[in-house]
Amino acid sequence: MQYLPSILSLMRFPLAFFFLQTTIFYRVLAIFLAGVTDGLDGYVARKWNVRSQFGAVIDPIMDKFFVLFILIVLINEGQLSTVQALTMLSRDVAVGVFGGYLLFSGALATYEFRAIWCGKITTSLQLAVILALTCQIPILEYVYVVFVLLGLGSLIELSVRKH
């Protein structure tokens, strides 16, 4: 049972490849299962007290891989512009900037990485936008501004958290 959260996280890797299918059913199924595994991995880890450093690292990596893979597919299909996709990755840019700060300030080794609320909201919104695009539902342009605001919020949230 101690490996179940990490297995759930790793499931998002093959789920991304469902997006190579053009059938909406498989794409919606992949998004749904990615959302379920993203929620379950952390819940199971906390509930059964089987948190691990590997799990803390692999969960966000699988989130990012899943979303990035799908964004590339959607750009290639013309359903999403590169600028729109980049705004959806604002949080990831913010985390990268903060990671660079930690590295150069010497605080990286002592910083405790864990999920942030802006990150969870961003991931949920990313999946919702991907689902809407998959189902041919138009996205209002202001949603992409929300991604940028969540990126800024992530940077602030990371900065004010205790090290």
N, C-alpha and C. Protein backbone atom coordinates (compact mmCIF):
# COMPACT_ATOMS: atom_id res chain seq x y z
N MET A 1 0.80 -1.21 0.00
CA MET A 1 0.00 0.00 0.00
C MET A 1 0.85 1.27 0.00
N GLN A 2 2.09 1.19 0.47
CA GLN A 2 2.90 2.39 0.57
C GLN A 2 3.24 2.98 -0.80
N TYR A 3 3.18 2.18 -1.86
CA TYR A 3 3.50 2.67 -3.19
C TYR A 3 2.28 3.12 -3.99
N LEU A 4 1.09 2.89 -3.47
CA LEU A 4 -0.12 3.22 -4.21
C LEU A 4 -0.21 4.68 -4.63
N PRO A 5 0.10 5.65 -3.75
CA PRO A 5 0.03 7.04 -4.20
C PRO A 5 0.95 7.33 -5.39
N SER A 6 2.15 6.79 -5.37
CA SER A 6 3.08 7.02 -6.47
C SER A 6 2.61 6.31 -7.74
N ILE A 7 2.02 5.14 -7.60
CA ILE A 7 1.48 4.42 -8.77
C ILE A 7 0.34 5.24 -9.38
N LEU A 8 -0.51 5.81 -8.52
CA LEU A 8 -1.60 6.65 -9.02
C LEU A 8 -1.05 7.86 -9.78
N SER A 9 -0.01 8.46 -9.25
CA SER A 9 0.61 9.61 -9.93
C SER A 9 1.19 9.18 -11.28
N LEU A 10 1.89 8.07 -11.30
CA LEU A 10 2.53 7.59 -12.53
C LEU A 10 1.53 7.20 -13.60
N MET A 11 0.30 6.92 -13.21
CA MET A 11 -0.74 6.56 -14.19
C MET A 11 -1.02 7.70 -15.17
N ARG A 12 -0.71 8.93 -14.77
CA ARG A 12 -0.98 10.06 -15.66
C ARG A 12 -0.06 10.06 -16.89
N PHE A 13 1.06 9.37 -16.80
CA PHE A 13 1.96 9.29 -17.96
C PHE A 13 1.29 8.58 -19.13
N PRO A 14 0.84 7.33 -18.97
CA PRO A 14 0.18 6.68 -20.12
C PRO A 14 -1.16 7.33 -20.49
N LEU A 15 -1.84 7.93 -19.52
CA LEU A 15 -3.11 8.58 -19.82
C LEU A 15 -2.94 9.72 -20.83
N ALA A 16 -1.81 10.40 -20.78
CA ALA A 16 -1.57 11.50 -21.72
C ALA A 16 -1.62 11.00 -23.17
N PHE A 17 -1.16 9.80 -23.39
CA PHE A 17 -1.09 9.27 -24.75
C PHE A 17 -2.47 8.94 -25.33
N PHE A 18 -3.49 8.89 -24.47
CA PHE A 18 -4.86 8.74 -24.97
C PHE A 18 -5.21 9.91 -25.89
N PHE A 19 -4.53 11.04 -25.68
CA PHE A 19 -4.84 12.22 -26.48
C PHE A 19 -4.33 12.10 -27.91
N LEU A 20 -3.57 11.09 -28.21
CA LEU A 20 -3.16 10.85 -29.59
C LEU A 20 -4.33 10.28 -30.39
N GLN A 21 -5.32 9.77 -29.67
CA GLN A 21 -6.57 9.33 -30.30
C GLN A 21 -7.43 10.58 -30.53
N THR A 22 -8.08 10.63 -31.67
CA THR A 22 -8.93 11.79 -31.92
C THR A 22 -10.36 11.59 -31.42
N THR A 23 -10.64 10.41 -30.90
CA THR A 23 -11.97 10.12 -30.38
C THR A 23 -12.17 10.88 -29.07
N ILE A 24 -13.24 11.66 -29.03
CA ILE A 24 -13.53 12.48 -27.84
C ILE A 24 -13.68 11.59 -26.60
N PHE A 25 -14.29 10.43 -26.74
CA PHE A 25 -14.50 9.55 -25.59
C PHE A 25 -13.19 9.24 -24.87
N TYR A 26 -12.16 8.85 -25.63
CA TYR A 26 -10.87 8.50 -25.01
C TYR A 26 -10.20 9.71 -24.37
N ARG A 27 -10.36 10.84 -25.00
CA ARG A 27 -9.77 12.06 -24.45
C ARG A 27 -10.46 12.46 -23.14
N VAL A 28 -11.78 12.43 -23.14
CA VAL A 28 -12.53 12.77 -21.92
C VAL A 28 -12.21 11.76 -20.82
N LEU A 29 -12.13 10.50 -21.18
CA LEU A 29 -11.77 9.46 -20.21
C LEU A 29 -10.39 9.75 -19.60
N ALA A 30 -9.44 10.12 -20.43
CA ALA A 30 -8.09 10.42 -19.94
C ALA A 30 -8.11 11.61 -18.97
N ILE A 31 -8.85 12.66 -19.34
CA ILE A 31 -8.94 13.84 -18.46
C ILE A 31 -9.59 13.46 -17.14
N PHE A 32 -10.67 12.71 -17.21
CA PHE A 32 -11.37 12.29 -15.99
C PHE A 32 -10.45 11.46 -15.10
N LEU A 33 -9.79 10.46 -15.67
CA LEU A 33 -8.91 9.60 -14.88
C LEU A 33 -7.70 10.36 -14.34
N ALA A 34 -7.20 11.32 -15.12
CA ALA A 34 -6.09 12.14 -14.62
C ALA A 34 -6.53 12.96 -13.41
N GLY A 35 -7.72 13.51 -13.49
CA GLY A 35 -8.25 14.28 -12.36
C GLY A 35 -8.46 13.42 -11.13
N VAL A 36 -9.00 12.22 -11.35
CA VAL A 36 -9.23 11.29 -10.23
C VAL A 36 -7.91 10.87 -9.60
N THR A 37 -6.94 10.49 -10.43
CA THR A 37 -5.65 10.05 -9.87
C THR A 37 -4.92 11.20 -9.18
N ASP A 38 -5.10 12.42 -9.70
CA ASP A 38 -4.46 13.57 -9.08
C ASP A 38 -5.04 13.84 -7.69
N GLY A 39 -6.32 13.66 -7.54
CA GLY A 39 -6.93 13.84 -6.22
C GLY A 39 -6.66 12.69 -5.28
N LEU A 40 -6.69 11.48 -5.83
CA LEU A 40 -6.54 10.29 -4.99
C LEU A 40 -5.13 10.10 -4.45
N ASP A 41 -4.11 10.42 -5.24
CA ASP A 41 -2.75 10.12 -4.80
C ASP A 41 -2.42 10.83 -3.48
N GLY A 42 -2.74 12.11 -3.41
CA GLY A 42 -2.48 12.85 -2.18
C GLY A 42 -3.37 12.41 -1.03
N TYR A 43 -4.63 12.13 -1.34
CA TYR A 43 -5.56 11.68 -0.31
C TYR A 43 -5.09 10.37 0.32
N VAL A 44 -4.74 9.42 -0.53
CA VAL A 44 -4.28 8.10 -0.04
C VAL A 44 -2.99 8.26 0.77
N ALA A 45 -2.07 9.08 0.29
CA ALA A 45 -0.81 9.28 1.00
C ALA A 45 -1.05 9.85 2.40
N ARG A 46 -1.97 10.81 2.50
CA ARG A 46 -2.25 11.40 3.82
C ARG A 46 -3.06 10.45 4.69
N LYS A 47 -4.07 9.82 4.12
CA LYS A 47 -4.97 8.95 4.88
C LYS A 47 -4.22 7.76 5.48
N TRP A 48 -3.34 7.15 4.68
CA TRP A 48 -2.61 5.96 5.14
C TRP A 48 -1.21 6.29 5.64
N ASN A 49 -0.92 7.59 5.71
CA ASN A 49 0.37 8.06 6.20
C ASN A 49 1.54 7.37 5.47
N VAL A 50 1.45 7.39 4.14
CA VAL A 50 2.50 6.79 3.32
C VAL A 50 3.11 7.84 2.39
N ARG A 51 3.30 9.03 2.91
CA ARG A 51 3.92 10.10 2.13
C ARG A 51 5.39 9.74 1.90
N SER A 52 5.90 10.15 0.75
CA SER A 52 7.30 9.91 0.45
C SER A 52 7.86 11.08 -0.33
N GLN A 53 9.17 11.23 -0.29
CA GLN A 53 9.82 12.28 -1.06
C GLN A 53 9.61 12.02 -2.55
N PHE A 54 9.69 10.74 -2.95
CA PHE A 54 9.46 10.39 -4.35
C PHE A 54 8.06 10.81 -4.78
N GLY A 55 7.07 10.52 -3.96
CA GLY A 55 5.70 10.89 -4.27
C GLY A 55 5.51 12.39 -4.36
N ALA A 56 6.18 13.12 -3.46
CA ALA A 56 6.07 14.57 -3.46
C ALA A 56 6.68 15.18 -4.72
N VAL A 57 7.64 14.49 -5.31
CA VAL A 57 8.28 14.98 -6.53
C VAL A 57 7.54 14.49 -7.77
N ILE A 58 7.17 13.21 -7.79
CA ILE A 58 6.59 12.63 -9.01
C ILE A 58 5.18 13.16 -9.30
N ASP A 59 4.41 13.48 -8.28
CA ASP A 59 3.04 13.97 -8.48
C ASP A 59 3.02 15.24 -9.34
N PRO A 60 3.74 16.30 -8.97
CA PRO A 60 3.70 17.49 -9.82
C PRO A 60 4.36 17.28 -11.19
N ILE A 61 5.35 16.40 -11.25
CA ILE A 61 5.98 16.12 -12.55
C ILE A 61 4.96 15.47 -13.49
N MET A 62 4.20 14.52 -12.98
CA MET A 62 3.20 13.86 -13.81
C MET A 62 2.08 14.83 -14.20
N ASP A 63 1.71 15.72 -13.28
CA ASP A 63 0.71 16.76 -13.61
C ASP A 63 1.20 17.59 -14.79
N LYS A 64 2.44 18.05 -14.69
CA LYS A 64 3.00 18.91 -15.72
C LYS A 64 3.16 18.16 -17.04
N PHE A 65 3.62 16.91 -16.97
CA PHE A 65 3.77 16.14 -18.20
C PHE A 65 2.42 15.96 -18.89
N PHE A 66 1.42 15.57 -18.12
CA PHE A 66 0.09 15.33 -18.68
C PHE A 66 -0.44 16.59 -19.38
N VAL A 67 -0.39 17.71 -18.69
CA VAL A 67 -0.91 18.95 -19.24
C VAL A 67 -0.08 19.41 -20.43
N LEU A 68 1.24 19.39 -20.31
CA LEU A 68 2.09 19.85 -21.40
C LEU A 68 1.90 19.01 -22.66
N PHE A 69 1.83 17.70 -22.49
CA PHE A 69 1.63 16.81 -23.63
C PHE A 69 0.33 17.16 -24.35
N ILE A 70 -0.73 17.34 -23.58
CA ILE A 70 -2.03 17.65 -24.18
C ILE A 70 -2.04 19.03 -24.82
N LEU A 71 -1.39 20.00 -24.18
CA LEU A 71 -1.33 21.33 -24.78
C LEU A 71 -0.63 21.28 -26.13
N ILE A 72 0.43 20.51 -26.23
CA ILE A 72 1.14 20.37 -27.51
C ILE A 72 0.22 19.75 -28.56
N VAL A 73 -0.53 18.73 -28.18
CA VAL A 73 -1.49 18.11 -29.11
C VAL A 73 -2.52 19.14 -29.56
N LEU A 74 -3.07 19.90 -28.60
CA LEU A 74 -4.11 20.89 -28.93
C LEU A 74 -3.57 22.02 -29.81
N ILE A 75 -2.33 22.43 -29.58
CA ILE A 75 -1.71 23.44 -30.44
C ILE A 75 -1.56 22.89 -31.85
N ASN A 76 -1.05 21.67 -31.95
CA ASN A 76 -0.86 21.04 -33.27
C ASN A 76 -2.17 20.86 -34.01
N GLU A 77 -3.25 20.68 -33.30
CA GLU A 77 -4.57 20.52 -33.92
C GLU A 77 -5.24 21.87 -34.21
N GLY A 78 -4.63 22.97 -33.76
CA GLY A 78 -5.19 24.29 -33.99
C GLY A 78 -6.32 24.67 -33.04
N GLN A 79 -6.48 23.93 -31.96
CA GLN A 79 -7.54 24.24 -30.99
C GLN A 79 -7.08 25.23 -29.93
N LEU A 80 -5.78 25.50 -29.89
CA LEU A 80 -5.20 26.36 -28.86
C LEU A 80 -4.01 27.08 -29.47
N SER A 81 -3.89 28.36 -29.19
CA SER A 81 -2.71 29.09 -29.69
C SER A 81 -1.54 28.88 -28.73
N THR A 82 -0.37 29.15 -29.21
CA THR A 82 0.82 29.03 -28.37
C THR A 82 0.75 30.00 -27.20
N VAL A 83 0.27 31.21 -27.43
CA VAL A 83 0.15 32.21 -26.36
C VAL A 83 -0.83 31.72 -25.29
N GLN A 84 -1.96 31.18 -25.71
CA GLN A 84 -2.93 30.66 -24.75
C GLN A 84 -2.31 29.53 -23.92
N ALA A 85 -1.59 28.64 -24.59
CA ALA A 85 -0.94 27.54 -23.89
C ALA A 85 0.09 28.06 -22.89
N LEU A 86 0.85 29.06 -23.29
CA LEU A 86 1.86 29.62 -22.38
C LEU A 86 1.22 30.25 -21.16
N THR A 87 0.08 30.92 -21.34
CA THR A 87 -0.58 31.50 -20.16
C THR A 87 -1.04 30.39 -19.22
N MET A 88 -1.43 29.25 -19.78
CA MET A 88 -1.86 28.12 -18.95
C MET A 88 -0.70 27.56 -18.14
N LEU A 89 0.52 27.88 -18.55
CA LEU A 89 1.72 27.39 -17.86
C LEU A 89 2.35 28.45 -16.95
N SER A 90 1.62 29.55 -16.69
CA SER A 90 2.14 30.64 -15.86
C SER A 90 2.58 30.17 -14.48
N ARG A 91 1.81 29.30 -13.88
CA ARG A 91 2.17 28.79 -12.55
C ARG A 91 3.50 28.06 -12.60
N ASP A 92 3.72 27.28 -13.67
CA ASP A 92 4.96 26.53 -13.80
C ASP A 92 6.17 27.46 -13.96
N VAL A 93 5.96 28.55 -14.67
CA VAL A 93 7.02 29.55 -14.81
C VAL A 93 7.31 30.16 -13.43
N ALA A 94 6.26 30.47 -12.68
CA ALA A 94 6.44 31.05 -11.35
C ALA A 94 7.20 30.09 -10.43
N VAL A 95 6.86 28.82 -10.49
CA VAL A 95 7.55 27.83 -9.66
C VAL A 95 9.01 27.72 -10.09
N GLY A 96 9.26 27.79 -11.40
CA GLY A 96 10.64 27.76 -11.90
C GLY A 96 11.45 28.95 -11.43
N VAL A 97 10.84 30.12 -11.49
CA VAL A 97 11.51 31.35 -11.01
C VAL A 97 11.83 31.22 -9.53
N PHE A 98 10.86 30.74 -8.76
CA PHE A 98 11.08 30.59 -7.32
C PHE A 98 12.15 29.54 -7.05
N GLY A 99 12.13 28.45 -7.80
CA GLY A 99 13.17 27.41 -7.65
C GLY A 99 14.55 27.98 -7.95
N GLY A 100 14.65 28.83 -8.97
CA GLY A 100 15.93 29.48 -9.28
C GLY A 100 16.39 30.36 -8.14
N TYR A 101 15.45 31.10 -7.56
CA TYR A 101 15.77 31.94 -6.40
C TYR A 101 16.31 31.08 -5.25
N LEU A 102 15.62 29.96 -4.97
CA LEU A 102 16.07 29.08 -3.88
C LEU A 102 17.46 28.53 -4.16
N LEU A 103 17.69 28.15 -5.39
CA LEU A 103 18.98 27.59 -5.77
C LEU A 103 20.10 28.60 -5.57
N PHE A 104 19.91 29.81 -6.09
CA PHE A 104 20.96 30.81 -6.02
C PHE A 104 21.11 31.45 -4.64
N SER A 105 20.07 31.37 -3.83
CA SER A 105 20.18 31.92 -2.48
C SER A 105 20.69 30.89 -1.48
N GLY A 106 20.84 29.64 -1.92
CA GLY A 106 21.33 28.59 -1.04
C GLY A 106 20.26 27.98 -0.16
N ALA A 107 19.00 28.31 -0.39
CA ALA A 107 17.92 27.83 0.46
C ALA A 107 17.22 26.59 -0.10
N LEU A 108 17.65 26.11 -1.26
CA LEU A 108 16.98 24.98 -1.91
C LEU A 108 17.01 23.72 -1.05
N ALA A 109 18.14 23.45 -0.42
CA ALA A 109 18.29 22.22 0.37
C ALA A 109 17.38 22.18 1.59
N THR A 110 17.02 23.32 2.11
CA THR A 110 16.21 23.34 3.34
C THR A 110 14.74 23.66 3.09
N TYR A 111 14.39 23.96 1.85
CA TYR A 111 13.00 24.31 1.55
C TYR A 111 12.16 23.03 1.46
N GLU A 112 11.04 23.03 2.17
CA GLU A 112 10.14 21.87 2.15
C GLU A 112 9.11 22.06 1.05
N PHE A 113 9.23 21.24 0.02
CA PHE A 113 8.29 21.33 -1.10
C PHE A 113 7.00 20.59 -0.76
N ARG A 114 5.89 21.26 -1.01
CA ARG A 114 4.58 20.63 -0.87
C ARG A 114 3.59 21.42 -1.73
N ALA A 115 2.45 20.84 -1.91
CA ALA A 115 1.46 21.45 -2.80
C ALA A 115 1.03 22.82 -2.26
N ILE A 116 0.72 23.70 -3.20
CA ILE A 116 0.21 25.03 -2.85
C ILE A 116 -1.20 25.16 -3.42
N TRP A 117 -2.01 26.00 -2.78
CA TRP A 117 -3.41 26.15 -3.20
C TRP A 117 -3.53 26.70 -4.61
N CYS A 118 -2.72 27.70 -4.94
CA CYS A 118 -2.78 28.25 -6.30
C CYS A 118 -2.42 27.18 -7.32
N GLY A 119 -1.54 26.29 -6.95
CA GLY A 119 -1.17 25.19 -7.84
C GLY A 119 -2.31 24.22 -8.05
N LYS A 120 -3.01 23.90 -7.00
CA LYS A 120 -4.15 22.98 -7.11
C LYS A 120 -5.27 23.60 -7.95
N ILE A 121 -5.53 24.88 -7.71
CA ILE A 121 -6.56 25.57 -8.49
C ILE A 121 -6.15 25.63 -9.96
N THR A 122 -4.88 25.92 -10.21
CA THR A 122 -4.39 25.98 -11.60
C THR A 122 -4.56 24.65 -12.30
N THR A 123 -4.17 23.56 -11.64
CA THR A 123 -4.29 22.24 -12.25
C THR A 123 -5.75 21.92 -12.55
N SER A 124 -6.63 22.22 -11.62
CA SER A 124 -8.07 21.98 -11.85
C SER A 124 -8.58 22.80 -13.03
N LEU A 125 -8.17 24.07 -13.10
CA LEU A 125 -8.61 24.93 -14.20
C LEU A 125 -8.02 24.46 -15.53
N GLN A 126 -6.76 24.02 -15.50
CA GLN A 126 -6.14 23.48 -16.72
C GLN A 126 -6.95 22.30 -17.24
N LEU A 127 -7.29 21.38 -16.35
CA LEU A 127 -8.07 20.20 -16.78
C LEU A 127 -9.45 20.61 -17.29
N ALA A 128 -10.06 21.61 -16.65
CA ALA A 128 -11.38 22.07 -17.09
C ALA A 128 -11.30 22.70 -18.48
N VAL A 129 -10.27 23.51 -18.73
CA VAL A 129 -10.10 24.13 -20.05
C VAL A 129 -9.81 23.07 -21.10
N ILE A 130 -8.95 22.12 -20.77
CA ILE A 130 -8.64 21.04 -21.70
C ILE A 130 -9.90 20.23 -22.01
N LEU A 131 -10.70 19.97 -21.00
CA LEU A 131 -11.95 19.25 -21.21
C LEU A 131 -12.89 20.04 -22.12
N ALA A 132 -13.01 21.33 -21.86
CA ALA A 132 -13.90 22.17 -22.69
C ALA A 132 -13.41 22.20 -24.14
N LEU A 133 -12.13 22.37 -24.34
CA LEU A 133 -11.59 22.38 -25.70
C LEU A 133 -11.81 21.03 -26.39
N THR A 134 -11.65 19.96 -25.63
CA THR A 134 -11.86 18.62 -26.17
C THR A 134 -13.31 18.45 -26.63
N CYS A 135 -14.22 19.03 -25.89
CA CYS A 135 -15.66 18.92 -26.20
C CYS A 135 -16.13 20.05 -27.11
N GLN A 136 -15.17 20.80 -27.69
CA GLN A 136 -15.48 21.88 -28.63
C GLN A 136 -16.27 23.02 -27.99
N ILE A 137 -16.08 23.23 -26.69
CA ILE A 137 -16.73 24.34 -25.99
C ILE A 137 -15.77 25.53 -26.00
N PRO A 138 -16.18 26.66 -26.53
CA PRO A 138 -15.28 27.82 -26.60
C PRO A 138 -14.90 28.32 -25.21
N ILE A 139 -13.69 28.80 -25.10
CA ILE A 139 -13.17 29.33 -23.84
C ILE A 139 -13.10 30.86 -23.95
N LEU A 140 -13.64 31.54 -22.98
CA LEU A 140 -13.57 33.00 -22.95
C LEU A 140 -12.11 33.42 -22.71
N GLU A 141 -11.70 34.46 -23.37
CA GLU A 141 -10.30 34.90 -23.29
C GLU A 141 -9.87 35.27 -21.86
N TYR A 142 -10.80 35.75 -21.04
CA TYR A 142 -10.40 36.16 -19.69
C TYR A 142 -9.90 34.97 -18.86
N VAL A 143 -10.25 33.76 -19.23
CA VAL A 143 -9.78 32.58 -18.50
C VAL A 143 -8.25 32.51 -18.56
N TYR A 144 -7.69 32.92 -19.67
CA TYR A 144 -6.23 32.88 -19.81
C TYR A 144 -5.57 33.94 -18.92
N VAL A 145 -6.27 35.03 -18.67
CA VAL A 145 -5.78 36.05 -17.72
C VAL A 145 -5.78 35.45 -16.31
N VAL A 146 -6.78 34.66 -16.00
CA VAL A 146 -6.86 34.00 -14.69
C VAL A 146 -5.63 33.11 -14.48
N PHE A 147 -5.18 32.43 -15.53
CA PHE A 147 -3.97 31.60 -15.41
C PHE A 147 -2.76 32.44 -15.02
N VAL A 148 -2.64 33.62 -15.63
CA VAL A 148 -1.52 34.50 -15.30
C VAL A 148 -1.62 34.95 -13.84
N LEU A 149 -2.82 35.30 -13.41
CA LEU A 149 -3.02 35.72 -12.02
C LEU A 149 -2.70 34.58 -11.05
N LEU A 150 -3.08 33.36 -11.41
CA LEU A 150 -2.75 32.20 -10.57
C LEU A 150 -1.24 31.98 -10.54
N GLY A 151 -0.55 32.26 -11.63
CA GLY A 151 0.91 32.16 -11.65
C GLY A 151 1.53 33.14 -10.67
N LEU A 152 1.03 34.38 -10.69
CA LEU A 152 1.51 35.39 -9.74
C LEU A 152 1.16 34.99 -8.31
N GLY A 153 -0.06 34.48 -8.13
CA GLY A 153 -0.47 34.02 -6.81
C GLY A 153 0.41 32.89 -6.31
N SER A 154 0.82 32.00 -7.19
CA SER A 154 1.71 30.90 -6.82
C SER A 154 3.04 31.43 -6.33
N LEU A 155 3.57 32.41 -7.05
CA LEU A 155 4.85 33.00 -6.66
C LEU A 155 4.75 33.65 -5.29
N ILE A 156 3.66 34.35 -5.04
CA ILE A 156 3.45 34.98 -3.74
C ILE A 156 3.29 33.91 -2.66
N GLU A 157 2.47 32.90 -2.95
CA GLU A 157 2.24 31.84 -1.96
C GLU A 157 3.53 31.12 -1.60
N LEU A 158 4.35 30.83 -2.58
CA LEU A 158 5.63 30.18 -2.31
C LEU A 158 6.56 31.08 -1.51
N SER A 159 6.53 32.37 -1.80
CA SER A 159 7.44 33.32 -1.16
C SER A 159 7.11 33.55 0.32
N VAL A 160 5.83 33.54 0.66
CA VAL A 160 5.46 33.84 2.05
C VAL A 160 5.40 32.60 2.94
N ARG A 161 5.47 31.43 2.32
CA ARG A 161 5.45 30.20 3.12
C ARG A 161 6.75 30.06 3.91
N LYS A 162 6.64 29.51 5.10
CA LYS A 162 7.83 29.30 5.92
C LYS A 162 8.73 28.28 5.26
N HIS A 163 10.03 28.52 5.36
CA HIS A 163 11.02 27.61 4.78
C HIS A 163 11.28 26.47 5.73
